């Protein structure tokens, strides 16, 4: 008899539903920010360029969440064969695209933080870095494709040999391919290289860059207020305000990234130490952690707009200007139609 996998736990399903709601919010937030930035004249002349690219990949991540994660849970809960048949051909491509975008967005976030660091320390490399923003975005995408693009070869949909599984949600199943069983690919590339480059390296890079920014800002403030030469009060207050804004933005970004990735980093580290115990004694917790990690990722995507609106005056101004422009345009259109109506009447 065909042994069907039982549906996921209620907690897991609740997390998936919550993640789907958050992904819709994330799509709305990032589309709004994307439109606001693309309509801004300074978009490709300042760090907005990085934020625009980050928005683009956040939108893809959020859009893919429901067909990749939610539909998977729904087909197991409902045993709906038509839904399963629609899901099987899409899953591998959707999952690969999601992971490529997650890695790309992560490294773009690092590029944003690094540019801020160069500005803070007044580095001579800043101008050259800013001239190559498009190149750095492409490099981030290349890292994403190089590290996660192989998932297209690692996973595939296979027909179930059991004839009793025909016309059920177990008619096909997703499994790893033969390439993952080789030592150079399955162990060296997939396990060691990928996990280090996509999990540990960006996590600690962003942590160190943000820590460097905070320490440099504190050093500059200490030096500035320790200097006894005369300064205007307004300049001192402006300096304090700028420090608070920059520090708050960097801390928020760092904290959100750490929170959204701490589960993934912990589980990946456990996989390095004792993978067998995860898949035997703690299998249920292991599966729940995967769902939680996905929810945290889309939550981080959804929170970017509120963070920038709260901490970044330039982005806040750009978004408000976009709304104002739209409102003025609608008002002019209304006045035009009213004038035409009066003429006709």
C-alpha atoms as a PDB file:
ATOM      1  CA  UNK A   1       0.000   0.000   0.000  1.00  0.00           C
ATOM      2  CA  UNK A   2       1.075   3.573  -0.686  1.00  0.00           C
ATOM      3  CA  UNK A   3       2.303   5.139   2.544  1.00  0.00           C
ATOM      4  CA  UNK A   4       1.497   8.836   2.461  1.00  0.00           C
ATOM      5  CA  UNK A   5       3.466  11.306   4.506  1.00  0.00           C
ATOM      6  CA  UNK A   6       1.381  12.697   7.302  1.00  0.00           C
ATOM      7  CA  UNK A   7       0.552  16.398   7.219  1.00  0.00           C
ATOM      8  CA  UNK A   8       2.849  18.780   9.013  1.00  0.00           C
ATOM      9  CA  UNK A   9       2.149  19.622  12.635  1.00  0.00           C
ATOM     10  CA  UNK A  10      -0.349  22.313  13.536  1.00  0.00           C
ATOM     11  CA  UNK A  11       2.484  24.559  14.744  1.00  0.00           C
ATOM     12  CA  UNK A  12       4.292  24.153  11.438  1.00  0.00           C
ATOM     13  CA  UNK A  13       1.135  24.871   9.433  1.00  0.00           C
ATOM     14  CA  UNK A  14       0.393  27.941  11.583  1.00  0.00           C
ATOM     15  CA  UNK A  15       3.916  29.242  10.900  1.00  0.00           C
ATOM     16  CA  UNK A  16       3.428  28.694   7.167  1.00  0.00           C
ATOM     17  CA  UNK A  17       0.121  30.620   7.222  1.00  0.00           C
ATOM     18  CA  UNK A  18       1.748  33.425   9.223  1.00  0.00           C
ATOM     19  CA  UNK A  19       4.649  33.449   6.773  1.00  0.00           C
ATOM     20  CA  UNK A  20       2.231  33.751   3.852  1.00  0.00           C
ATOM     21  CA  UNK A  21       0.510  36.764   5.427  1.00  0.00           C
ATOM     22  CA  UNK A  22       3.884  38.362   6.151  1.00  0.00           C
ATOM     23  CA  UNK A  23       5.022  37.661   2.573  1.00  0.00           C
ATOM     24  CA  UNK A  24       2.004  39.595   1.238  1.00  0.00           C
ATOM     25  CA  UNK A  25       2.924  42.527   3.504  1.00  0.00           C
ATOM     26  CA  UNK A  26       6.523  42.237   2.323  1.00  0.00           C
ATOM     27  CA  UNK A  27       5.461  42.334  -1.330  1.00  0.00           C
ATOM     28  CA  UNK A  28       3.392  45.480  -0.707  1.00  0.00           C
ATOM     29  CA  UNK A  29       6.175  47.218   1.237  1.00  0.00           C
ATOM     30  CA  UNK A  30       8.924  46.415  -1.230  1.00  0.00           C
ATOM     31  CA  UNK A  31       6.850  47.233  -4.321  1.00  0.00           C
ATOM     32  CA  UNK A  32       6.052  50.611  -2.738  1.00  0.00           C
ATOM     33  CA  UNK A  33       9.724  51.241  -1.971  1.00  0.00           C
ATOM     34  CA  UNK A  34      10.819  50.011  -5.410  1.00  0.00           C
ATOM     35  CA  UNK A  35       8.410  52.378  -7.193  1.00  0.00           C
ATOM     36  CA  UNK A  36       9.436  55.283  -4.950  1.00  0.00           C
ATOM     37  CA  UNK A  37      13.127  54.711  -5.677  1.00  0.00           C
ATOM     38  CA  UNK A  38      12.818  54.103  -9.418  1.00  0.00           C
ATOM     39  CA  UNK A  39      10.965  57.412  -9.747  1.00  0.00           C
ATOM     40  CA  UNK A  40      13.653  59.253  -7.800  1.00  0.00           C
ATOM     41  CA  UNK A  41      16.146  61.230  -9.886  1.00  0.00           C
ATOM     42  CA  UNK A  42      19.019  60.222  -7.583  1.00  0.00           C
ATOM     43  CA  UNK A  43      18.268  56.501  -7.696  1.00  0.00           C
ATOM     44  CA  UNK A  44      21.336  55.438  -9.693  1.00  0.00           C
ATOM     45  CA  UNK A  45      23.586  58.212  -8.349  1.00  0.00           C
ATOM     46  CA  UNK A  46      23.694  57.234  -4.680  1.00  0.00           C
ATOM     47  CA  UNK A  47      23.253  54.256  -2.363  1.00  0.00           C
ATOM     48  CA  UNK A  48      19.582  54.093  -3.440  1.00  0.00           C
ATOM     49  CA  UNK A  49      20.978  51.924  -6.249  1.00  0.00           C
ATOM     50  CA  UNK A  50      21.743  49.145  -3.740  1.00  0.00           C
ATOM     51  CA  UNK A  51      18.412  49.571  -1.952  1.00  0.00           C
ATOM     52  CA  UNK A  52      16.573  49.306  -5.286  1.00  0.00           C
ATOM     53  CA  UNK A  53      18.351  46.030  -6.093  1.00  0.00           C
ATOM     54  CA  UNK A  54      17.632  44.770  -2.580  1.00  0.00           C
ATOM     55  CA  UNK A  55      13.925  45.586  -3.041  1.00  0.00           C
ATOM     56  CA  UNK A  56      13.844  43.675  -6.327  1.00  0.00           C
ATOM     57  CA  UNK A  57      15.225  40.483  -4.798  1.00  0.00           C
ATOM     58  CA  UNK A  58      13.084  40.853  -1.662  1.00  0.00           C
ATOM     59  CA  UNK A  59      10.004  40.966  -3.894  1.00  0.00           C
ATOM     60  CA  UNK A  60      11.018  37.727  -5.638  1.00  0.00           C
ATOM     61  CA  UNK A  61      11.699  36.012  -2.292  1.00  0.00           C
ATOM     62  CA  UNK A  62       8.306  37.076  -0.934  1.00  0.00           C
ATOM     63  CA  UNK A  63       6.433  36.154  -4.126  1.00  0.00           C
ATOM     64  CA  UNK A  64       7.999  32.673  -4.202  1.00  0.00           C
ATOM     65  CA  UNK A  65       7.203  31.945  -0.546  1.00  0.00           C
ATOM     66  CA  UNK A  66       3.568  30.993  -1.088  1.00  0.00           C
ATOM     67  CA  UNK A  67       3.919  28.689  -4.134  1.00  0.00           C
ATOM     68  CA  UNK A  68       7.043  27.028  -2.688  1.00  0.00           C
ATOM     69  CA  UNK A  69       6.201  26.727   1.028  1.00  0.00           C
ATOM     70  CA  UNK A  70       2.450  27.281   1.448  1.00  0.00           C
ATOM     71  CA  UNK A  71       1.326  25.066  -1.446  1.00  0.00           C
ATOM     72  CA  UNK A  72       3.600  22.274  -0.193  1.00  0.00           C
ATOM     73  CA  UNK A  73       1.825  22.307   3.175  1.00  0.00           C
ATOM     74  CA  UNK A  74      -1.643  22.681   1.660  1.00  0.00           C
ATOM     75  CA  UNK A  75      -1.256  19.669  -0.623  1.00  0.00           C
ATOM     76  CA  UNK A  76      -0.228  17.512   2.352  1.00  0.00           C
ATOM     77  CA  UNK A  77      -3.115  18.752   4.479  1.00  0.00           C
ATOM     78  CA  UNK A  78      -5.836  18.618   1.829  1.00  0.00           C
ATOM     79  CA  UNK A  79      -4.563  15.613  -0.219  1.00  0.00           C
ATOM     80  CA  UNK A  80      -5.584  17.629  -3.279  1.00  0.00           C
ATOM     81  CA  UNK A  81      -4.035  15.804  -6.243  1.00  0.00           C
ATOM     82  CA  UNK A  82      -4.537  18.649  -8.743  1.00  0.00           C
ATOM     83  CA  UNK A  83      -2.699  21.034  -6.429  1.00  0.00           C
ATOM     84  CA  UNK A  84       0.125  18.529  -6.039  1.00  0.00           C
ATOM     85  CA  UNK A  85       0.421  18.085  -9.813  1.00  0.00           C
ATOM     86  CA  UNK A  86       0.640  21.858 -10.262  1.00  0.00           C
ATOM     87  CA  UNK A  87       3.259  22.088  -7.500  1.00  0.00           C
ATOM     88  CA  UNK A  88       5.658  19.327  -8.607  1.00  0.00           C
ATOM     89  CA  UNK A  89       6.972  20.940 -11.838  1.00  0.00           C
ATOM     90  CA  UNK A  90       7.399  24.346 -10.170  1.00  0.00           C
ATOM     91  CA  UNK A  91       8.975  23.387  -6.851  1.00  0.00           C
ATOM     92  CA  UNK A  92      12.613  22.819  -7.845  1.00  0.00           C
ATOM     93  CA  UNK A  93      12.755  25.974  -9.988  1.00  0.00           C
ATOM     94  CA  UNK A  94      10.937  28.081  -7.392  1.00  0.00           C
ATOM     95  CA  UNK A  95      13.122  26.852  -4.536  1.00  0.00           C
ATOM     96  CA  UNK A  96      16.307  27.465  -6.523  1.00  0.00           C
ATOM     97  CA  UNK A  97      15.208  30.973  -7.501  1.00  0.00           C
ATOM     98  CA  UNK A  98      14.325  31.765  -3.889  1.00  0.00           C
ATOM     99  CA  UNK A  99      17.692  30.635  -2.555  1.00  0.00           C
ATOM    100  CA  UNK A 100      19.629  32.497  -5.261  1.00  0.00           C
ATOM    101  CA  UNK A 101      17.730  35.699  -4.415  1.00  0.00           C
ATOM    102  CA  UNK A 102      18.236  35.199  -0.665  1.00  0.00           C
ATOM    103  CA  UNK A 103      22.004  34.909  -1.072  1.00  0.00           C
ATOM    104  CA  UNK A 104      22.117  37.826  -3.528  1.00  0.00           C
ATOM    105  CA  UNK A 105      20.059  40.063  -1.221  1.00  0.00           C
ATOM    106  CA  UNK A 106      22.292  39.129   1.697  1.00  0.00           C
ATOM    107  CA  UNK A 107      25.461  40.221  -0.118  1.00  0.00           C
ATOM    108  CA  UNK A 108      23.805  43.409  -1.406  1.00  0.00           C
ATOM    109  CA  UNK A 109      22.995  44.222   2.214  1.00  0.00           C
ATOM    110  CA  UNK A 110      26.669  43.705   3.016  1.00  0.00           C
ATOM    111  CA  UNK A 111      27.587  46.062   0.144  1.00  0.00           C
ATOM    112  CA  UNK A 112      25.249  48.728   1.575  1.00  0.00           C
ATOM    113  CA  UNK A 113      26.843  48.384   5.005  1.00  0.00           C
ATOM    114  CA  UNK A 114      30.358  48.399   3.536  1.00  0.00           C
ATOM    115  CA  UNK A 115      29.677  51.620   1.603  1.00  0.00           C
ATOM    116  CA  UNK A 116      28.453  53.190   4.823  1.00  0.00           C
ATOM    117  CA  UNK A 117      31.649  52.012   6.527  1.00  0.00           C
ATOM    118  CA  UNK A 118      33.817  53.613   3.809  1.00  0.00           C
ATOM    119  CA  UNK A 119      31.891  56.862   4.246  1.00  0.00           C
ATOM    120  CA  UNK A 120      32.318  56.717   8.010  1.00  0.00           C
ATOM    121  CA  UNK A 121      36.097  56.180   7.918  1.00  0.00           C
ATOM    122  CA  UNK A 122      36.478  58.612   4.972  1.00  0.00           C
ATOM    123  CA  UNK A 123      38.294  55.989   2.926  1.00  0.00           C
ATOM    124  CA  UNK A 124      40.087  56.896  -0.312  1.00  0.00           C
ATOM    125  CA  UNK A 125      38.397  53.827  -1.887  1.00  0.00           C
ATOM    126  CA  UNK A 126      34.912  55.297  -1.483  1.00  0.00           C
ATOM    127  CA  UNK A 127      34.715  57.049  -4.878  1.00  0.00           C
ATOM    128  CA  UNK A 128      35.835  53.951  -6.769  1.00  0.00           C
ATOM    129  CA  UNK A 129      33.383  51.789  -4.846  1.00  0.00           C
ATOM    130  CA  UNK A 130      30.481  54.151  -5.560  1.00  0.00           C
ATOM    131  CA  UNK A 131      31.293  54.244  -9.283  1.00  0.00           C
ATOM    132  CA  UNK A 132      30.970  50.457  -9.427  1.00  0.00           C
ATOM    133  CA  UNK A 133      27.644  49.965  -7.661  1.00  0.00           C
ATOM    134  CA  UNK A 134      26.149  48.184 -10.703  1.00  0.00           C
ATOM    135  CA  UNK A 135      29.189  45.931 -10.875  1.00  0.00           C
ATOM    136  CA  UNK A 136      28.872  45.060  -7.187  1.00  0.00           C
ATOM    137  CA  UNK A 137      25.184  44.199  -7.656  1.00  0.00           C
ATOM    138  CA  UNK A 138      26.136  41.894 -10.510  1.00  0.00           C
ATOM    139  CA  UNK A 139      28.886  40.359  -8.345  1.00  0.00           C
ATOM    140  CA  UNK A 140      26.344  39.675  -5.586  1.00  0.00           C
ATOM    141  CA  UNK A 141      24.065  37.977  -8.111  1.00  0.00           C
ATOM    142  CA  UNK A 142      27.023  35.940  -9.399  1.00  0.00           C
ATOM    143  CA  UNK A 143      27.718  34.734  -5.847  1.00  0.00           C
ATOM    144  CA  UNK A 144      24.064  33.733  -5.508  1.00  0.00           C
ATOM    145  CA  UNK A 145      24.093  31.789  -8.781  1.00  0.00           C
ATOM    146  CA  UNK A 146      27.473  30.187  -8.057  1.00  0.00           C
ATOM    147  CA  UNK A 147      26.500  28.969  -4.596  1.00  0.00           C
ATOM    148  CA  UNK A 148      22.798  28.142  -5.036  1.00  0.00           C
ATOM    149  CA  UNK A 149      22.288  27.622  -8.784  1.00  0.00           C
ATOM    150  CA  UNK A 150      23.423  24.018  -8.418  1.00  0.00           C
ATOM    151  CA  UNK A 151      20.162  23.199  -6.640  1.00  0.00           C
ATOM    152  CA  UNK A 152      18.641  22.750 -10.101  1.00  0.00           C
ATOM    153  CA  UNK A 153      20.900  19.722 -10.528  1.00  0.00           C
ATOM    154  CA  UNK A 154      20.580  18.472  -6.954  1.00  0.00           C
ATOM    155  CA  UNK A 155      16.802  18.092  -6.762  1.00  0.00           C
ATOM    156  CA  UNK A 156      14.316  16.482  -9.097  1.00  0.00           C
ATOM    157  CA  UNK A 157      10.779  15.114  -9.142  1.00  0.00           C
ATOM    158  CA  UNK A 158      10.576  11.326  -9.467  1.00  0.00           C
ATOM    159  CA  UNK A 159       7.550   9.089 -10.162  1.00  0.00           C
ATOM    160  CA  UNK A 160       6.616   6.749  -7.332  1.00  0.00           C
ATOM    161  CA  UNK A 161       7.146   3.099  -8.286  1.00  0.00           C
ATOM    162  CA  UNK A 162       4.296   1.957  -6.059  1.00  0.00           C
ATOM    163  CA  UNK A 163       1.208   1.589  -8.317  1.00  0.00           C
ATOM    164  CA  UNK A 164      -1.124   2.212  -5.367  1.00  0.00           C
ATOM    165  CA  UNK A 165       0.248   5.768  -5.141  1.00  0.00           C
ATOM    166  CA  UNK A 166      -1.172   6.691  -8.539  1.00  0.00           C
ATOM    167  CA  UNK A 167      -3.696   9.539  -8.418  1.00  0.00           C
ATOM    168  CA  UNK A 168      -2.595  10.512  -4.896  1.00  0.00           C
ATOM    169  CA  UNK A 169      -0.366  13.287  -3.594  1.00  0.00           C
ATOM    170  CA  UNK A 170       2.397  10.652  -3.386  1.00  0.00           C
ATOM    171  CA  UNK A 171       2.239   9.969  -7.138  1.00  0.00           C
ATOM    172  CA  UNK A 172       5.529  11.872  -7.416  1.00  0.00           C
ATOM    173  CA  UNK A 173       8.108  12.829  -4.826  1.00  0.00           C
ATOM    174  CA  UNK A 174      11.025  15.259  -4.628  1.00  0.00           C
ATOM    175  CA  UNK A 175      14.424  13.734  -3.944  1.00  0.00           C
ATOM    176  CA  UNK A 176      18.122  14.416  -4.419  1.00  0.00           C
ATOM    177  CA  UNK A 177      19.861  13.331  -7.613  1.00  0.00           C
ATOM    178  CA  UNK A 178      22.948  11.172  -8.060  1.00  0.00           C
ATOM    179  CA  UNK A 179      25.274  14.182  -8.277  1.00  0.00           C
ATOM    180  CA  UNK A 180      24.856  14.876  -4.554  1.00  0.00           C
ATOM    181  CA  UNK A 181      26.286  11.450  -3.713  1.00  0.00           C
ATOM    182  CA  UNK A 182      29.718  12.319  -5.103  1.00  0.00           C
ATOM    183  CA  UNK A 183      32.320  13.487  -2.598  1.00  0.00           C
ATOM    184  CA  UNK A 184      33.465  16.585  -4.496  1.00  0.00           C
ATOM    185  CA  UNK A 185      29.945  17.890  -5.024  1.00  0.00           C
ATOM    186  CA  UNK A 186      27.860  16.561  -2.137  1.00  0.00           C
ATOM    187  CA  UNK A 187      30.489  17.065   0.558  1.00  0.00           C
ATOM    188  CA  UNK A 188      32.988  19.695  -0.596  1.00  0.00           C
ATOM    189  CA  UNK A 189      30.751  22.002  -2.654  1.00  0.00           C
ATOM    190  CA  UNK A 190      27.243  21.499  -1.271  1.00  0.00           C
ATOM    191  CA  UNK A 191      28.060  21.053   2.399  1.00  0.00           C
ATOM    192  CA  UNK A 192      31.294  22.922   3.076  1.00  0.00           C
ATOM    193  CA  UNK A 193      31.613  25.618   0.395  1.00  0.00           C
ATOM    194  CA  UNK A 194      27.936  26.548   0.199  1.00  0.00           C
ATOM    195  CA  UNK A 195      27.293  26.675   3.932  1.00  0.00           C
ATOM    196  CA  UNK A 196      30.411  28.722   4.636  1.00  0.00           C
ATOM    197  CA  UNK A 197      29.806  31.234   1.812  1.00  0.00           C
ATOM    198  CA  UNK A 198      26.028  31.619   2.217  1.00  0.00           C
ATOM    199  CA  UNK A 199      25.511  31.182   5.974  1.00  0.00           C
ATOM    200  CA  UNK A 200      28.572  31.853   8.129  1.00  0.00           C
ATOM    201  CA  UNK A 201      30.557  34.338   6.010  1.00  0.00           C
ATOM    202  CA  UNK A 202      27.763  36.917   5.394  1.00  0.00           C
ATOM    203  CA  UNK A 203      26.533  36.599   8.981  1.00  0.00           C
ATOM    204  CA  UNK A 204      29.893  37.497  10.513  1.00  0.00           C
ATOM    205  CA  UNK A 205      30.850  39.971   7.764  1.00  0.00           C
ATOM    206  CA  UNK A 206      27.759  42.075   8.399  1.00  0.00           C
ATOM    207  CA  UNK A 207      28.284  41.818  12.140  1.00  0.00           C
ATOM    208  CA  UNK A 208      31.896  43.014  11.876  1.00  0.00           C
ATOM    209  CA  UNK A 209      31.120  45.844   9.420  1.00  0.00           C
ATOM    210  CA  UNK A 210      28.334  47.213  11.607  1.00  0.00           C
ATOM    211  CA  UNK A 211      30.500  46.895  14.696  1.00  0.00           C
ATOM    212  CA  UNK A 212      33.263  48.787  12.891  1.00  0.00           C
ATOM    213  CA  UNK A 213      30.838  51.570  11.959  1.00  0.00           C
ATOM    214  CA  UNK A 214      29.602  51.980  15.526  1.00  0.00           C
ATOM    215  CA  UNK A 215      33.138  52.017  16.964  1.00  0.00           C
ATOM    216  CA  UNK A 216      34.333  54.538  14.366  1.00  0.00           C
ATOM    217  CA  UNK A 217      31.366  56.830  15.025  1.00  0.00           C
ATOM    218  CA  UNK A 218      32.034  56.723  18.750  1.00  0.00           C
ATOM    219  CA  UNK A 219      35.700  57.487  18.162  1.00  0.00           C
ATOM    220  CA  UNK A 220      34.870  60.452  15.929  1.00  0.00           C
ATOM    221  CA  UNK A 221      32.377  61.847  18.431  1.00  0.00           C
ATOM    222  CA  UNK A 222      34.827  61.462  21.290  1.00  0.00           C
ATOM    223  CA  UNK A 223      37.501  63.274  19.291  1.00  0.00           C
ATOM    224  CA  UNK A 224      35.109  66.015  18.163  1.00  0.00           C
ATOM    225  CA  UNK A 225      33.829  66.844  21.643  1.00  0.00           C
ATOM    226  CA  UNK A 226      37.278  66.465  23.145  1.00  0.00           C
ATOM    227  CA  UNK A 227      38.583  69.211  20.875  1.00  0.00           C
ATOM    228  CA  UNK A 228      38.411  72.549  22.701  1.00  0.00           C
ATOM    229  CA  UNK A 229      38.330  74.743  19.605  1.00  0.00           C
ATOM    230  CA  UNK A 230      35.153  76.748  19.098  1.00  0.00           C
ATOM    231  CA  UNK A 231      32.289  75.180  17.219  1.00  0.00           C
ATOM    232  CA  UNK A 232      28.837  76.429  16.624  1.00  0.00           C
ATOM    233  CA  UNK A 233      26.185  74.760  18.761  1.00  0.00           C
ATOM    234  CA  UNK A 234      24.050  73.969  15.707  1.00  0.00           C
ATOM    235  CA  UNK A 235      26.906  72.013  14.118  1.00  0.00           C
ATOM    236  CA  UNK A 236      27.412  69.997  17.288  1.00  0.00           C
ATOM    237  CA  UNK A 237      23.725  69.182  17.449  1.00  0.00           C
ATOM    238  CA  UNK A 238      23.656  68.239  13.766  1.00  0.00           C
ATOM    239  CA  UNK A 239      26.652  65.968  14.315  1.00  0.00           C
ATOM    240  CA  UNK A 240      24.896  64.262  17.209  1.00  0.00           C
ATOM    241  CA  UNK A 241      21.753  63.815  15.122  1.00  0.00           C
ATOM    242  CA  UNK A 242      23.674  62.302  12.219  1.00  0.00           C
ATOM    243  CA  UNK A 243      25.457  59.893  14.549  1.00  0.00           C
ATOM    244  CA  UNK A 244      22.190  58.790  16.135  1.00  0.00           C
ATOM    245  CA  UNK A 245      20.546  58.247  12.737  1.00  0.00           C
ATOM    246  CA  UNK A 246      23.481  56.330  11.264  1.00  0.00           C
ATOM    247  CA  UNK A 247      23.984  54.242  14.386  1.00  0.00           C
ATOM    248  CA  UNK A 248      20.275  53.438  14.732  1.00  0.00           C
ATOM    249  CA  UNK A 249      19.998  52.410  11.083  1.00  0.00           C
ATOM    250  CA  UNK A 250      23.039  50.141  11.235  1.00  0.00           C
ATOM    251  CA  UNK A 251      21.984  48.600  14.537  1.00  0.00           C
ATOM    252  CA  UNK A 252      18.462  47.929  13.288  1.00  0.00           C
ATOM    253  CA  UNK A 253      19.741  46.347  10.076  1.00  0.00           C
ATOM    254  CA  UNK A 254      22.222  44.243  12.006  1.00  0.00           C
ATOM    255  CA  UNK A 255      19.693  43.112  14.622  1.00  0.00           C
ATOM    256  CA  UNK A 256      17.052  42.204  12.022  1.00  0.00           C
ATOM    257  CA  UNK A 257      19.580  40.238   9.994  1.00  0.00           C
ATOM    258  CA  UNK A 258      20.904  38.449  13.084  1.00  0.00           C
ATOM    259  CA  UNK A 259      17.413  37.533  14.267  1.00  0.00           C
ATOM    260  CA  UNK A 260      16.282  36.319  10.846  1.00  0.00           C
ATOM    261  CA  UNK A 261      19.395  34.176  10.387  1.00  0.00           C
ATOM    262  CA  UNK A 262      20.271  33.031  13.892  1.00  0.00           C
ATOM    263  CA  UNK A 263      18.164  29.858  13.557  1.00  0.00           C
ATOM    264  CA  UNK A 264      19.736  29.038  10.207  1.00  0.00           C
ATOM    265  CA  UNK A 265      23.253  29.625  11.540  1.00  0.00           C
ATOM    266  CA  UNK A 266      22.579  27.485  14.624  1.00  0.00           C
ATOM    267  CA  UNK A 267      21.102  24.579  12.653  1.00  0.00           C
ATOM    268  CA  UNK A 268      23.861  24.731  10.032  1.00  0.00           C
ATOM    269  CA  UNK A 269      26.489  24.648  12.786  1.00  0.00           C
ATOM    270  CA  UNK A 270      24.716  21.636  14.302  1.00  0.00           C
ATOM    271  CA  UNK A 271      24.785  19.930  10.898  1.00  0.00           C
ATOM    272  CA  UNK A 272      28.554  20.344  10.876  1.00  0.00           C
ATOM    273  CA  UNK A 273      28.909  18.841  14.362  1.00  0.00           C
ATOM    274  CA  UNK A 274      26.291  16.056  14.457  1.00  0.00           C
ATOM    275  CA  UNK A 275      24.043  15.749  11.416  1.00  0.00           C
ATOM    276  CA  UNK A 276      22.830  12.264  12.371  1.00  0.00           C
ATOM    277  CA  UNK A 277      21.190  13.384  15.618  1.00  0.00           C
ATOM    278  CA  UNK A 278      19.264  16.097  13.761  1.00  0.00           C
ATOM    279  CA  UNK A 279      17.728  13.599  11.341  1.00  0.00           C
ATOM    280  CA  UNK A 280      16.953  10.960  13.986  1.00  0.00           C
ATOM    281  CA  UNK A 281      16.370  12.214  17.528  1.00  0.00           C
ATOM    282  CA  UNK A 282      15.425  15.796  16.640  1.00  0.00           C
ATOM    283  CA  UNK A 283      13.785  15.352  13.238  1.00  0.00           C
ATOM    284  CA  UNK A 284      10.533  17.139  14.166  1.00  0.00           C
ATOM    285  CA  UNK A 285      12.416  20.087  15.655  1.00  0.00           C
ATOM    286  CA  UNK A 286      14.685  20.105  12.603  1.00  0.00           C
ATOM    287  CA  UNK A 287      11.698  20.416  10.265  1.00  0.00           C
ATOM    288  CA  UNK A 288      10.106  23.109  12.442  1.00  0.00           C
ATOM    289  CA  UNK A 289      13.342  25.092  12.393  1.00  0.00           C
ATOM    290  CA  UNK A 290      13.286  25.055   8.582  1.00  0.00           C
ATOM    291  CA  UNK A 291       9.754  26.529   8.580  1.00  0.00           C
ATOM    292  CA  UNK A 292      10.711  29.090  11.231  1.00  0.00           C
ATOM    293  CA  UNK A 293      13.808  30.111   9.279  1.00  0.00           C
ATOM    294  CA  UNK A 294      11.683  30.731   6.159  1.00  0.00           C
ATOM    295  CA  UNK A 295       9.198  32.846   8.133  1.00  0.00           C
ATOM    296  CA  UNK A 296      12.028  34.908   9.634  1.00  0.00           C
ATOM    297  CA  UNK A 297      13.499  35.575   6.182  1.00  0.00           C
ATOM    298  CA  UNK A 298      10.237  37.017   4.776  1.00  0.00           C
ATOM    299  CA  UNK A 299       9.745  38.914   8.041  1.00  0.00           C
ATOM    300  CA  UNK A 300      13.121  40.586   7.538  1.00  0.00           C
ATOM    301  CA  UNK A 301      12.070  41.488   3.978  1.00  0.00           C
ATOM    302  CA  UNK A 302       8.812  42.987   5.251  1.00  0.00           C
ATOM    303  CA  UNK A 303      10.541  45.037   7.961  1.00  0.00           C
ATOM    304  CA  UNK A 304      13.056  46.791   5.716  1.00  0.00           C
ATOM    305  CA  UNK A 305      10.652  49.574   4.678  1.00  0.00           C
ATOM    306  CA  UNK A 306       9.526  50.390   8.253  1.00  0.00           C
ATOM    307  CA  UNK A 307      13.185  50.427   9.365  1.00  0.00           C
ATOM    308  CA  UNK A 308      14.256  52.821   6.630  1.00  0.00           C
ATOM    309  CA  UNK A 309      11.194  55.021   7.160  1.00  0.00           C
ATOM    310  CA  UNK A 310      11.991  55.177  10.863  1.00  0.00           C
ATOM    311  CA  UNK A 311      15.763  55.662  10.710  1.00  0.00           C
ATOM    312  CA  UNK A 312      16.683  57.023   7.279  1.00  0.00           C
ATOM    313  CA  UNK A 313      15.479  60.576   6.499  1.00  0.00           C
ATOM    314  CA  UNK A 314      16.554  60.385   2.830  1.00  0.00           C
ATOM    315  CA  UNK A 315      14.538  57.258   2.076  1.00  0.00           C
ATOM    316  CA  UNK A 316      11.618  58.572   4.101  1.00  0.00           C
ATOM    317  CA  UNK A 317      11.684  61.749   2.029  1.00  0.00           C
ATOM    318  CA  UNK A 318      11.851  59.756  -1.232  1.00  0.00           C
ATOM    319  CA  UNK A 319       8.797  57.658  -0.320  1.00  0.00           C
ATOM    320  CA  UNK A 320       6.802  60.677   0.861  1.00  0.00           C
ATOM    321  CA  UNK A 321       7.745  62.584  -2.283  1.00  0.00           C
ATOM    322  CA  UNK A 322       6.453  59.696  -4.395  1.00  0.00           C
ATOM    323  CA  UNK A 323       3.099  59.842  -2.584  1.00  0.00           C
ATOM    324  CA  UNK A 324       2.950  63.640  -2.864  1.00  0.00           C
ATOM    325  CA  UNK A 325       3.752  63.497  -6.574  1.00  0.00           C
ATOM    326  CA  UNK A 326       0.974  60.965  -7.108  1.00  0.00           C
ATOM    327  CA  UNK A 327      -1.488  63.053  -5.093  1.00  0.00           C
ATOM    328  CA  UNK A 328      -0.646  66.217  -7.048  1.00  0.00           C
ATOM    329  CA  UNK A 329      -0.975  64.333 -10.336  1.00  0.00           C
ATOM    330  CA  UNK A 330      -4.416  63.002  -9.342  1.00  0.00           C
ATOM    331  CA  UNK A 331      -5.484  66.505  -8.272  1.00  0.00           C
ATOM    332  CA  UNK A 332      -4.424  67.978 -11.613  1.00  0.00           C
ATOM    333  CA  UNK A 333      -6.284  65.214 -13.468  1.00  0.00           C
ATOM    334  CA  UNK A 334      -9.409  65.888 -11.396  1.00  0.00           C
ATOM    335  CA  UNK A 335      -9.196  69.627 -12.115  1.00  0.00           C
ATOM    336  CA  UNK A 336      -8.753  68.941 -15.840  1.00  0.00           C
ATOM    337  CA  UNK A 337     -11.792  66.649 -16.013  1.00  0.00           C
ATOM    338  CA  UNK A 338     -13.857  69.134 -13.987  1.00  0.00           C
ATOM    339  CA  UNK A 339     -12.920  71.930 -16.418  1.00  0.00           C
ATOM    340  CA  UNK A 340     -13.828  69.757 -19.416  1.00  0.00           C
ATOM    341  CA  UNK A 341     -17.177  68.881 -17.810  1.00  0.00           C
ATOM    342  CA  UNK A 342     -17.964  72.571 -17.222  1.00  0.00           C
ATOM    343  CA  UNK A 343     -17.105  73.430 -20.831  1.00  0.00           C
ATOM    344  CA  UNK A 344     -19.302  70.640 -22.180  1.00  0.00           C
ATOM    345  CA  UNK A 345     -22.201  71.573 -19.920  1.00  0.00           C
END
